[in-house]
Amino acid sequence: SPHPKVFYTDCTFIDLLEDYPELANYPRQWRDEGHDLEHAALHNCDMAIYTSEWAAHSAIDHYGADPKKVKVVPFGSNFESHPSFDVVMDAVRSRSLQRCELLLIGVHWERKGGPLAWEVARDLNIAGIETRLTVLGCTPPAGTEAPFLRVLKFIGKDSPSGQQEIKQLMLDSHFLIVPSIAECFGIVYAEASAMGLPSLARDVGGVSNAVHNGRNGFLFPASAPASVYVEKIKGLLEDRSAYERLARSSHAEFTTRLNWNSSGAALCELLGQLRS
């Protein structure tokens, strides 16, 4: 074909099947068909671009994709506009470290690690650090009601006012805590970084391409208990300069990497290689 075929995505079919609990009972014939389609797409394309090394390796290891045509480019923040560095740092400096605002954004309470985030908030309060966990995007199940839990009604990102509300929530929080049990990338980590908001995440799927450990937050082993998160949070709340350094480098990860201008430039460069 005179036109090169390229696709850009965040996972392979097998990763979805193996990692996402909601696909556990996917019918056998659809599984087989999905694998056949994925294999065909990878062998018929000129380039396959993924958002993470995790997905790229899956394409090569599970579907036999040619490593030379598999590339990695992260997704960017999906906010239409972003506050300036000065506005972000003013917000960071105004975050009182005598208390802790945790923010969880996600549609699936279980998959996004809601139960673990809840435990972290509870245990911080028990440790004497006044903490609130704000949940946006889903309704935690019955039995999770607690004085430290605030559940907001869904805010749509499809309007400027909705985006502004979410950005303000991020600017007013200390940490984004989305310790997903399955995640292909996590654009919310890019968006938090744009607000100088460090992310706390499980090191699963493609998350390590969104959250660079120690730069725009921290990655924890999949099996790490709440106490490990609590210790990390306590340490940062007790050291303002360390917290502000992390917030500043979170914003730098957004400006250098986790934005659509950077991703677009990287994509254009890769597509240019196919023309030459």
Protein backbone atom coordinates (compact mmCIF):
# COMPACT_ATOMS: atom_id res chain seq x y z
CA SER A 1 0.00 0.00 0.00
CA PRO A 2 1.28 3.52 -0.75
CA HIS A 3 0.02 4.66 2.65
CA PRO A 4 1.85 3.31 5.70
CA LYS A 5 -0.40 1.80 8.39
CA VAL A 6 0.27 2.92 11.96
CA PHE A 7 -1.69 2.62 15.18
CA TYR A 8 -1.27 4.28 18.57
CA THR A 9 -2.82 2.69 21.65
CA ASP A 10 -2.21 1.90 25.31
CA CYS A 11 -2.42 -1.89 25.50
CA THR A 12 -2.71 -5.19 23.68
CA PHE A 13 -5.77 -7.43 23.74
CA ILE A 14 -4.10 -10.03 25.98
CA ASP A 15 -3.23 -7.35 28.56
CA LEU A 16 -6.88 -6.31 28.82
CA LEU A 17 -8.02 -9.92 29.21
CA GLU A 18 -5.41 -10.83 31.82
CA ASP A 19 -5.47 -7.65 33.91
CA TYR A 20 -8.98 -6.23 33.85
CA PRO A 21 -11.30 -7.99 36.33
CA GLU A 22 -14.41 -6.92 34.36
CA LEU A 23 -13.26 -9.07 31.42
CA ALA A 24 -12.79 -12.25 33.45
CA ASN A 25 -15.75 -14.01 31.83
CA TYR A 26 -15.16 -12.92 28.24
CA PRO A 27 -16.52 -15.66 25.94
CA ARG A 28 -13.96 -18.07 24.49
CA GLN A 29 -14.79 -17.48 20.82
CA TRP A 30 -14.42 -13.70 21.25
CA ARG A 31 -11.07 -14.21 22.96
CA ASP A 32 -9.81 -16.27 20.02
CA GLU A 33 -11.13 -13.73 17.54
CA GLY A 34 -9.54 -10.87 19.49
CA HIS A 35 -6.14 -12.56 19.51
CA ASP A 36 -6.39 -13.23 15.76
CA LEU A 37 -7.25 -9.60 15.05
CA GLU A 38 -4.46 -8.29 17.28
CA HIS A 39 -1.94 -10.59 15.62
CA ALA A 40 -3.11 -9.56 12.14
CA ALA A 41 -3.00 -5.86 12.98
CA LEU A 42 0.55 -6.11 14.32
CA HIS A 43 1.79 -8.07 11.34
CA ASN A 44 0.07 -5.83 8.77
CA CYS A 45 1.09 -2.46 10.18
CA ASP A 46 4.22 -0.47 9.44
CA MET A 47 4.50 0.83 12.98
CA ALA A 48 2.79 0.11 16.32
CA ILE A 49 3.08 2.88 18.89
CA TYR A 50 2.20 2.21 22.53
CA THR A 51 2.07 4.42 25.60
CA SER A 52 4.31 2.16 27.68
CA GLU A 53 7.16 -0.34 27.56
CA TRP A 54 4.76 -2.80 29.23
CA ALA A 55 2.39 -2.74 26.25
CA ALA A 56 5.25 -2.67 23.74
CA HIS A 57 6.79 -5.80 25.27
CA SER A 58 3.40 -7.50 25.22
CA ALA A 59 3.07 -6.86 21.47
CA ILE A 60 6.51 -8.36 20.88
CA ASP A 61 6.33 -11.23 23.38
CA HIS A 62 2.71 -12.37 22.92
CA TYR A 63 2.00 -11.50 19.30
CA GLY A 64 5.45 -11.73 17.73
CA ALA A 65 5.51 -8.10 16.58
CA ASP A 66 8.77 -7.01 14.96
CA PRO A 67 10.61 -5.04 17.70
CA LYS A 68 11.91 -2.59 15.08
CA LYS A 69 8.41 -1.32 14.36
CA VAL A 70 7.21 -1.08 17.99
CA LYS A 71 7.64 2.38 19.57
CA VAL A 72 6.67 4.08 22.86
CA VAL A 73 5.12 7.56 23.21
CA PRO A 74 3.16 8.54 26.35
CA PHE A 75 -0.29 10.14 26.38
CA GLY A 76 -0.61 13.77 27.51
CA SER A 77 -2.95 15.62 29.86
CA ASN A 78 -6.45 16.05 28.40
CA PHE A 79 -7.21 19.43 29.97
CA GLU A 80 -7.84 22.09 27.31
CA SER A 81 -5.71 24.63 29.18
CA HIS A 82 -3.21 24.47 32.03
CA PRO A 83 -2.30 26.98 34.71
CA SER A 84 1.12 28.61 34.54
CA PHE A 85 4.07 27.37 36.60
CA ASP A 86 3.66 30.37 38.96
CA VAL A 87 -0.02 29.65 39.57
CA VAL A 88 0.80 25.98 40.21
CA MET A 89 3.62 26.78 42.65
CA ASP A 90 1.45 29.33 44.50
CA ALA A 91 -1.12 26.56 44.98
CA VAL A 92 1.59 24.13 46.10
CA ARG A 93 2.97 26.60 48.66
CA SER A 94 -0.51 27.26 50.03
CA ARG A 95 -1.08 23.55 50.81
CA SER A 96 -0.92 23.29 54.60
CA LEU A 97 1.17 20.30 55.63
CA GLN A 98 -0.59 20.06 59.02
CA ARG A 99 -3.34 18.12 57.29
CA CYS A 100 -3.65 15.97 54.16
CA GLU A 101 -6.03 16.09 51.21
CA LEU A 102 -6.03 12.87 49.18
CA LEU A 103 -7.81 12.77 45.82
CA LEU A 104 -9.00 9.63 44.02
CA ILE A 105 -10.40 10.03 40.51
CA GLY A 106 -11.83 7.02 38.70
CA VAL A 107 -14.99 5.34 37.51
CA HIS A 108 -14.28 1.86 38.97
CA TRP A 109 -13.86 1.95 42.78
CA GLU A 110 -12.33 -1.54 43.02
CA ARG A 111 -10.09 -1.42 39.95
CA LYS A 112 -8.81 2.07 40.74
CA GLY A 113 -7.67 0.92 44.17
CA GLY A 114 -10.41 2.62 46.18
CA PRO A 115 -10.26 0.14 49.09
CA LEU A 116 -6.51 0.74 49.53
CA ALA A 117 -6.88 4.54 49.27
CA TRP A 118 -9.62 4.33 51.93
CA GLU A 119 -7.30 2.37 54.25
CA VAL A 120 -4.50 4.88 53.74
CA ALA A 121 -6.82 7.78 54.68
CA ARG A 122 -8.11 5.90 57.72
CA ASP A 123 -4.61 5.01 58.92
CA LEU A 124 -3.29 8.56 58.47
CA ASN A 125 -6.12 9.78 60.69
CA ILE A 126 -5.33 7.08 63.26
CA ALA A 127 -1.70 8.25 63.15
CA GLY A 128 -2.86 11.73 64.10
CA ILE A 129 -2.71 13.39 60.68
CA GLU A 130 -6.05 14.96 59.84
CA THR A 131 -6.80 13.51 56.41
CA ARG A 132 -9.69 13.65 53.95
CA LEU A 133 -10.11 11.35 50.98
CA THR A 134 -12.12 12.97 48.18
CA VAL A 135 -13.54 10.56 45.59
CA LEU A 136 -14.57 11.79 42.18
CA GLY A 137 -16.10 9.68 39.42
CA CYS A 138 -17.56 6.75 41.31
CA THR A 139 -19.70 5.90 44.33
CA PRO A 140 -17.89 3.76 46.91
CA PRO A 141 -19.92 0.74 48.03
CA ALA A 142 -22.08 0.62 51.15
CA GLY A 143 -20.03 0.17 54.29
CA THR A 144 -17.27 2.59 53.26
CA GLU A 145 -18.96 5.65 54.77
CA ALA A 146 -16.54 7.43 57.10
CA PRO A 147 -16.01 10.93 58.51
CA PHE A 148 -12.84 11.27 56.42
CA LEU A 149 -14.53 10.30 53.12
CA ARG A 150 -16.00 12.93 50.78
CA VAL A 151 -17.77 11.67 47.66
CA LEU A 152 -18.41 14.27 44.97
CA LYS A 153 -21.01 13.94 42.29
CA PHE A 154 -19.65 13.22 38.82
CA ILE A 155 -17.96 16.19 37.15
CA GLY A 156 -17.82 16.01 33.34
CA LYS A 157 -14.61 16.97 31.58
CA ASP A 158 -16.59 17.86 28.46
CA SER A 159 -17.24 21.43 29.64
CA PRO A 160 -14.77 24.22 30.54
CA SER A 161 -16.47 24.62 33.94
CA GLY A 162 -16.13 20.89 34.65
CA GLN A 163 -12.46 20.94 33.72
CA GLN A 164 -11.93 24.00 35.91
CA GLU A 165 -13.55 22.26 38.90
CA ILE A 166 -11.32 19.20 38.49
CA LYS A 167 -8.19 21.35 38.10
CA GLN A 168 -9.08 23.28 41.25
CA LEU A 169 -9.58 20.02 43.18
CA MET A 170 -6.12 18.93 42.06
CA LEU A 171 -4.53 22.27 42.96
CA ASP A 172 -6.12 22.05 46.45
CA SER A 173 -4.97 18.46 47.13
CA HIS A 174 -1.69 17.09 48.50
CA PHE A 175 -1.63 13.79 46.63
CA LEU A 176 -3.51 12.04 43.86
CA ILE A 177 -3.95 8.48 45.13
CA VAL A 178 -5.04 6.09 42.38
CA PRO A 179 -3.44 2.73 43.27
CA SER A 180 -5.12 0.84 40.42
CA ILE A 181 -5.00 -2.94 40.36
CA ALA A 182 -5.05 -2.72 36.54
CA GLU A 183 -4.13 0.29 34.43
CA CYS A 184 -2.84 0.67 30.88
CA PHE A 185 -1.39 4.15 31.36
CA GLY A 186 -3.44 6.61 33.42
CA ILE A 187 -3.96 10.05 31.84
CA VAL A 188 -5.08 11.26 35.27
CA TYR A 189 -1.45 11.00 36.45
CA ALA A 190 -0.42 13.34 33.60
CA GLU A 191 -3.17 15.77 34.54
CA ALA A 192 -2.21 15.71 38.22
CA SER A 193 1.41 16.41 37.25
CA ALA A 194 0.24 19.52 35.36
CA MET A 195 -1.19 20.79 38.67
CA GLY A 196 1.99 20.09 40.66
CA LEU A 197 0.14 17.24 42.36
CA PRO A 198 2.28 14.16 43.09
CA SER A 199 0.69 10.77 42.32
CA LEU A 200 0.72 7.65 44.50
CA ALA A 201 0.21 4.57 42.35
CA ARG A 202 0.64 0.82 42.15
CA ASP A 203 3.40 -0.23 39.77
CA VAL A 204 1.13 -2.24 37.46
CA GLY A 205 0.54 -2.28 33.70
CA GLY A 206 1.85 0.81 31.96
CA VAL A 207 1.71 3.12 34.99
CA SER A 208 5.51 3.41 35.26
CA ASN A 209 5.49 5.35 31.98
CA ALA A 210 3.04 7.85 33.45
CA VAL A 211 4.50 8.05 36.97
CA HIS A 212 8.28 8.22 37.11
CA ASN A 213 9.16 7.13 40.62
CA GLY A 214 10.45 10.04 42.71
CA ARG A 215 9.80 12.58 39.92
CA ASN A 216 6.02 13.08 39.74
CA GLY A 217 5.04 10.77 42.57
CA PHE A 218 5.80 7.29 43.79
CA LEU A 219 5.19 3.79 42.52
CA PHE A 220 4.53 1.03 45.03
CA PRO A 221 4.74 -2.73 44.53
CA ALA A 222 1.36 -4.23 43.66
CA SER A 223 1.23 -6.02 47.02
CA ALA A 224 2.38 -3.08 49.19
CA PRO A 225 0.06 -2.55 52.18
CA ALA A 226 -1.45 0.78 53.25
CA SER A 227 1.31 1.27 55.84
CA VAL A 228 3.93 1.78 53.10
CA TYR A 229 1.85 4.59 51.56
CA VAL A 230 1.23 6.11 55.00
CA GLU A 231 4.97 6.24 55.78
CA LYS A 232 5.76 7.89 52.44
CA ILE A 233 3.02 10.49 52.93
CA LYS A 234 4.06 11.20 56.53
CA GLY A 235 7.68 11.70 55.49
CA LEU A 236 6.72 14.24 52.84
CA LEU A 237 4.30 16.13 55.09
CA GLU A 238 7.10 16.49 57.66
CA ASP A 239 9.53 17.94 55.11
CA ARG A 240 8.13 20.92 53.24
CA SER A 241 11.17 21.37 51.01
CA ALA A 242 11.02 17.69 49.93
CA TYR A 243 7.28 18.01 49.24
CA GLU A 244 7.72 21.20 47.23
CA ARG A 245 10.61 19.68 45.26
CA LEU A 246 8.38 16.73 44.36
CA ALA A 247 5.53 19.07 43.35
CA ARG A 248 7.94 21.11 41.21
CA SER A 249 9.37 18.03 39.50
CA SER A 250 5.81 16.72 38.99
CA HIS A 251 5.06 19.86 37.01
CA ALA A 252 8.33 19.45 35.09
CA GLU A 253 7.30 15.91 34.06
CA PHE A 254 4.16 17.45 32.58
CA THR A 255 5.95 20.24 30.73
CA THR A 256 8.67 18.00 29.31
CA ARG A 257 6.83 14.75 28.63
CA LEU A 258 3.21 14.31 29.64
CA ASN A 259 1.62 16.85 27.29
CA TRP A 260 0.14 16.52 23.81
CA ASN A 261 2.61 18.93 22.21
CA SER A 262 5.49 16.66 23.22
CA SER A 263 3.61 13.50 22.27
CA GLY A 264 2.50 15.03 18.97
CA ALA A 265 6.06 16.04 18.12
CA ALA A 266 7.30 12.52 18.94
CA LEU A 267 4.53 10.98 16.79
CA CYS A 268 5.30 13.32 13.87
CA GLU A 269 8.96 12.39 14.05
CA LEU A 270 8.14 8.66 14.00
CA LEU A 271 5.69 9.06 11.11
CA GLY A 272 8.33 11.06 9.23
CA GLN A 273 10.68 8.09 9.47
CA LEU A 274 8.14 6.00 7.55
CA ARG A 275 8.01 8.49 4.68
CA SER A 276 11.77 8.70 4.24
